[in-house]
Amino acid sequence: MIDARHHGATMIVPCIPATDLFSEAERELTAFLSAVKVISGPYQVTDAARQWLQVLDDVNLPNEPSEECFRKVTLTEVASL
């Protein structure tokens, strides 16, 4: 757990062990791509995957990322669709 400060308030954010980061990212990406396939069709999945990975690469992840980090990537990408 890490102690995160947000607008003067303290909140505890659970950290994901490094061994689980890839699994969490994979779950988030899979859920995103499944939604893209349903909404936009299978031909959009490859482009959506590339864009999601680009956003992940562009995002400034904290030293101790949490599962919320990958959700932010998804939300950023959804907003650009």
N, C-alpha and C. Protein backbone atom coordinates (compact mmCIF):
# COMPACT_ATOMS: atom_id res chain seq x y z
N MET A 1 0.84 -1.17 0.00
CA MET A 1 0.00 0.00 0.00
C MET A 1 0.89 1.24 0.00
N ILE A 2 0.41 2.27 -0.67
CA ILE A 2 1.11 3.54 -0.62
C ILE A 2 0.14 4.60 -0.12
N ASP A 3 0.71 5.61 0.47
CA ASP A 3 -0.07 6.72 0.99
C ASP A 3 -0.08 7.80 -0.09
N ALA A 4 -1.22 8.05 -0.70
CA ALA A 4 -1.32 9.04 -1.76
C ALA A 4 -2.05 10.27 -1.24
N ARG A 5 -1.57 11.43 -1.60
CA ARG A 5 -2.19 12.69 -1.19
C ARG A 5 -3.00 13.23 -2.36
N HIS A 6 -4.24 13.56 -2.11
CA HIS A 6 -5.11 14.10 -3.16
C HIS A 6 -5.91 15.26 -2.58
N HIS A 7 -5.63 16.45 -3.03
CA HIS A 7 -6.32 17.66 -2.57
C HIS A 7 -6.30 17.76 -1.04
N GLY A 8 -5.16 17.48 -0.45
CA GLY A 8 -5.02 17.61 0.99
C GLY A 8 -5.53 16.43 1.78
N ALA A 9 -6.22 15.49 1.14
CA ALA A 9 -6.74 14.31 1.84
C ALA A 9 -5.77 13.15 1.65
N THR A 10 -5.78 12.26 2.57
CA THR A 10 -4.94 11.07 2.46
C THR A 10 -5.81 9.89 2.08
N MET A 11 -5.36 9.16 1.08
CA MET A 11 -6.06 7.92 0.75
C MET A 11 -5.02 6.83 0.56
N ILE A 12 -5.38 5.63 0.91
CA ILE A 12 -4.48 4.50 0.77
C ILE A 12 -4.80 3.80 -0.55
N VAL A 13 -3.78 3.65 -1.39
CA VAL A 13 -3.94 3.02 -2.69
C VAL A 13 -3.17 1.71 -2.68
N PRO A 14 -3.85 0.60 -2.96
CA PRO A 14 -3.14 -0.69 -2.96
C PRO A 14 -2.18 -0.77 -4.13
N CYS A 15 -0.99 -1.28 -3.89
CA CYS A 15 0.00 -1.48 -4.94
C CYS A 15 -0.10 -2.90 -5.46
N ILE A 16 0.16 -3.05 -6.72
CA ILE A 16 0.16 -4.38 -7.33
C ILE A 16 1.60 -4.87 -7.33
N PRO A 17 1.84 -6.10 -6.85
CA PRO A 17 3.20 -6.64 -6.95
C PRO A 17 3.64 -6.67 -8.41
N ALA A 18 4.93 -6.49 -8.64
CA ALA A 18 5.45 -6.43 -10.01
C ALA A 18 5.06 -7.65 -10.83
N THR A 19 4.98 -8.81 -10.19
CA THR A 19 4.62 -10.03 -10.91
C THR A 19 3.19 -10.00 -11.42
N ASP A 20 2.33 -9.18 -10.81
CA ASP A 20 0.93 -9.11 -11.21
C ASP A 20 0.64 -7.97 -12.19
N LEU A 21 1.60 -7.10 -12.43
CA LEU A 21 1.35 -5.95 -13.30
C LEU A 21 0.97 -6.37 -14.71
N PHE A 22 1.69 -7.33 -15.26
CA PHE A 22 1.38 -7.77 -16.62
C PHE A 22 0.00 -8.41 -16.69
N SER A 23 -0.34 -9.19 -15.69
CA SER A 23 -1.67 -9.82 -15.67
C SER A 23 -2.77 -8.77 -15.59
N GLU A 24 -2.56 -7.76 -14.77
CA GLU A 24 -3.57 -6.70 -14.63
C GLU A 24 -3.70 -5.90 -15.94
N ALA A 25 -2.58 -5.58 -16.56
CA ALA A 25 -2.62 -4.86 -17.83
C ALA A 25 -3.30 -5.71 -18.90
N GLU A 26 -3.00 -6.99 -18.91
CA GLU A 26 -3.61 -7.89 -19.89
C GLU A 26 -5.13 -7.97 -19.69
N ARG A 27 -5.57 -8.06 -18.45
CA ARG A 27 -7.02 -8.10 -18.17
C ARG A 27 -7.71 -6.82 -18.64
N GLU A 28 -7.09 -5.70 -18.36
CA GLU A 28 -7.68 -4.41 -18.74
C GLU A 28 -7.72 -4.27 -20.26
N LEU A 29 -6.63 -4.63 -20.93
CA LEU A 29 -6.59 -4.55 -22.39
C LEU A 29 -7.60 -5.50 -23.02
N THR A 30 -7.72 -6.70 -22.48
CA THR A 30 -8.68 -7.67 -23.01
C THR A 30 -10.11 -7.17 -22.87
N ALA A 31 -10.44 -6.60 -21.72
CA ALA A 31 -11.78 -6.05 -21.51
C ALA A 31 -12.04 -4.90 -22.49
N PHE A 32 -11.07 -4.04 -22.66
CA PHE A 32 -11.21 -2.92 -23.59
C PHE A 32 -11.44 -3.41 -25.01
N LEU A 33 -10.62 -4.37 -25.45
CA LEU A 33 -10.74 -4.87 -26.82
C LEU A 33 -12.04 -5.62 -27.05
N SER A 34 -12.52 -6.31 -26.03
CA SER A 34 -13.82 -6.98 -26.14
C SER A 34 -14.92 -5.96 -26.36
N ALA A 35 -14.86 -4.86 -25.64
CA ALA A 35 -15.86 -3.80 -25.80
C ALA A 35 -15.75 -3.16 -27.18
N VAL A 36 -14.54 -2.93 -27.64
CA VAL A 36 -14.35 -2.35 -28.98
C VAL A 36 -14.94 -3.27 -30.04
N LYS A 37 -14.72 -4.56 -29.90
CA LYS A 37 -15.24 -5.53 -30.87
C LYS A 37 -16.76 -5.49 -30.92
N VAL A 38 -17.39 -5.42 -29.76
CA VAL A 38 -18.86 -5.38 -29.71
C VAL A 38 -19.40 -4.08 -30.30
N ILE A 39 -18.76 -2.98 -29.95
CA ILE A 39 -19.27 -1.66 -30.35
C ILE A 39 -18.89 -1.31 -31.79
N SER A 40 -17.64 -1.57 -32.16
CA SER A 40 -17.14 -1.09 -33.45
C SER A 40 -16.88 -2.19 -34.48
N GLY A 41 -16.92 -3.43 -34.06
CA GLY A 41 -16.67 -4.54 -34.98
C GLY A 41 -15.24 -5.04 -34.89
N PRO A 42 -15.03 -6.25 -35.39
CA PRO A 42 -13.72 -6.90 -35.24
C PRO A 42 -12.59 -6.21 -36.00
N TYR A 43 -12.93 -5.44 -37.02
CA TYR A 43 -11.88 -4.80 -37.82
C TYR A 43 -11.22 -3.64 -37.09
N GLN A 44 -11.82 -3.15 -36.05
CA GLN A 44 -11.27 -2.03 -35.28
C GLN A 44 -10.36 -2.48 -34.13
N VAL A 45 -10.37 -3.78 -33.83
CA VAL A 45 -9.67 -4.28 -32.64
C VAL A 45 -8.16 -4.07 -32.74
N THR A 46 -7.58 -4.36 -33.88
CA THR A 46 -6.13 -4.21 -34.03
C THR A 46 -5.69 -2.77 -33.83
N ASP A 47 -6.40 -1.83 -34.46
CA ASP A 47 -6.06 -0.42 -34.28
C ASP A 47 -6.26 0.02 -32.84
N ALA A 48 -7.34 -0.45 -32.22
CA ALA A 48 -7.60 -0.09 -30.82
C ALA A 48 -6.50 -0.62 -29.91
N ALA A 49 -6.03 -1.82 -30.18
CA ALA A 49 -4.94 -2.39 -29.37
C ALA A 49 -3.67 -1.56 -29.51
N ARG A 50 -3.36 -1.17 -30.73
CA ARG A 50 -2.16 -0.33 -30.95
C ARG A 50 -2.29 1.00 -30.21
N GLN A 51 -3.47 1.59 -30.30
CA GLN A 51 -3.68 2.88 -29.65
C GLN A 51 -3.61 2.75 -28.13
N TRP A 52 -4.19 1.68 -27.57
CA TRP A 52 -4.15 1.46 -26.11
C TRP A 52 -2.71 1.32 -25.65
N LEU A 53 -1.92 0.55 -26.40
CA LEU A 53 -0.51 0.36 -26.04
C LEU A 53 0.27 1.67 -26.16
N GLN A 54 -0.08 2.49 -27.16
CA GLN A 54 0.58 3.78 -27.30
C GLN A 54 0.26 4.69 -26.11
N VAL A 55 -1.00 4.71 -25.71
CA VAL A 55 -1.38 5.51 -24.54
C VAL A 55 -0.65 4.99 -23.30
N LEU A 56 -0.56 3.68 -23.15
CA LEU A 56 0.17 3.11 -22.01
C LEU A 56 1.62 3.56 -22.03
N ASP A 57 2.20 3.59 -23.21
CA ASP A 57 3.59 4.02 -23.34
C ASP A 57 3.74 5.51 -23.02
N ASP A 58 2.74 6.30 -23.37
CA ASP A 58 2.80 7.74 -23.15
C ASP A 58 2.49 8.17 -21.72
N VAL A 59 1.76 7.32 -20.99
CA VAL A 59 1.34 7.66 -19.63
C VAL A 59 2.53 7.60 -18.69
N ASN A 60 2.54 8.52 -17.75
CA ASN A 60 3.57 8.55 -16.73
C ASN A 60 3.11 7.68 -15.56
N LEU A 61 3.51 6.42 -15.56
CA LEU A 61 3.10 5.53 -14.47
C LEU A 61 3.90 5.85 -13.21
N PRO A 62 3.26 5.78 -12.07
CA PRO A 62 3.99 6.00 -10.82
C PRO A 62 4.98 4.85 -10.56
N ASN A 63 5.89 5.08 -9.63
CA ASN A 63 6.88 4.04 -9.30
C ASN A 63 6.22 2.77 -8.81
N GLU A 64 5.10 2.90 -8.13
CA GLU A 64 4.37 1.75 -7.62
C GLU A 64 2.95 1.78 -8.18
N PRO A 65 2.78 1.33 -9.45
CA PRO A 65 1.46 1.45 -10.08
C PRO A 65 0.40 0.59 -9.39
N SER A 66 -0.82 1.02 -9.52
CA SER A 66 -1.95 0.26 -9.02
C SER A 66 -2.84 -0.09 -10.21
N GLU A 67 -3.87 -0.89 -9.97
CA GLU A 67 -4.74 -1.28 -11.08
C GLU A 67 -5.45 -0.07 -11.69
N GLU A 68 -5.59 1.00 -10.93
CA GLU A 68 -6.22 2.20 -11.46
C GLU A 68 -5.42 2.81 -12.61
N CYS A 69 -4.12 2.57 -12.63
CA CYS A 69 -3.28 3.11 -13.70
C CYS A 69 -3.73 2.57 -15.05
N PHE A 70 -3.99 1.27 -15.12
CA PHE A 70 -4.40 0.67 -16.39
C PHE A 70 -5.81 1.10 -16.76
N ARG A 71 -6.66 1.33 -15.77
CA ARG A 71 -8.01 1.82 -16.05
C ARG A 71 -7.93 3.22 -16.65
N LYS A 72 -7.00 4.04 -16.17
CA LYS A 72 -6.83 5.39 -16.72
C LYS A 72 -6.42 5.33 -18.18
N VAL A 73 -5.58 4.35 -18.53
CA VAL A 73 -5.19 4.17 -19.92
C VAL A 73 -6.42 3.87 -20.76
N THR A 74 -7.25 2.95 -20.27
CA THR A 74 -8.47 2.59 -21.00
C THR A 74 -9.40 3.78 -21.14
N LEU A 75 -9.61 4.52 -20.08
CA LEU A 75 -10.50 5.68 -20.14
C LEU A 75 -9.96 6.75 -21.09
N THR A 76 -8.67 6.92 -21.10
CA THR A 76 -8.06 7.88 -22.03
C THR A 76 -8.30 7.45 -23.47
N GLU A 77 -8.13 6.17 -23.72
CA GLU A 77 -8.32 5.66 -25.08
C GLU A 77 -9.80 5.68 -25.49
N VAL A 78 -10.68 5.35 -24.58
CA VAL A 78 -12.11 5.39 -24.87
C VAL A 78 -12.53 6.81 -25.25
N ALA A 79 -12.00 7.78 -24.56
CA ALA A 79 -12.34 9.17 -24.83
C ALA A 79 -11.89 9.59 -26.23
N SER A 80 -10.87 8.95 -26.76
CA SER A 80 -10.37 9.34 -28.08
C SER A 80 -11.05 8.58 -29.21
N LEU A 81 -11.85 7.57 -28.89
CA LEU A 81 -12.53 6.79 -29.95
C LEU A 81 -13.61 7.60 -30.63
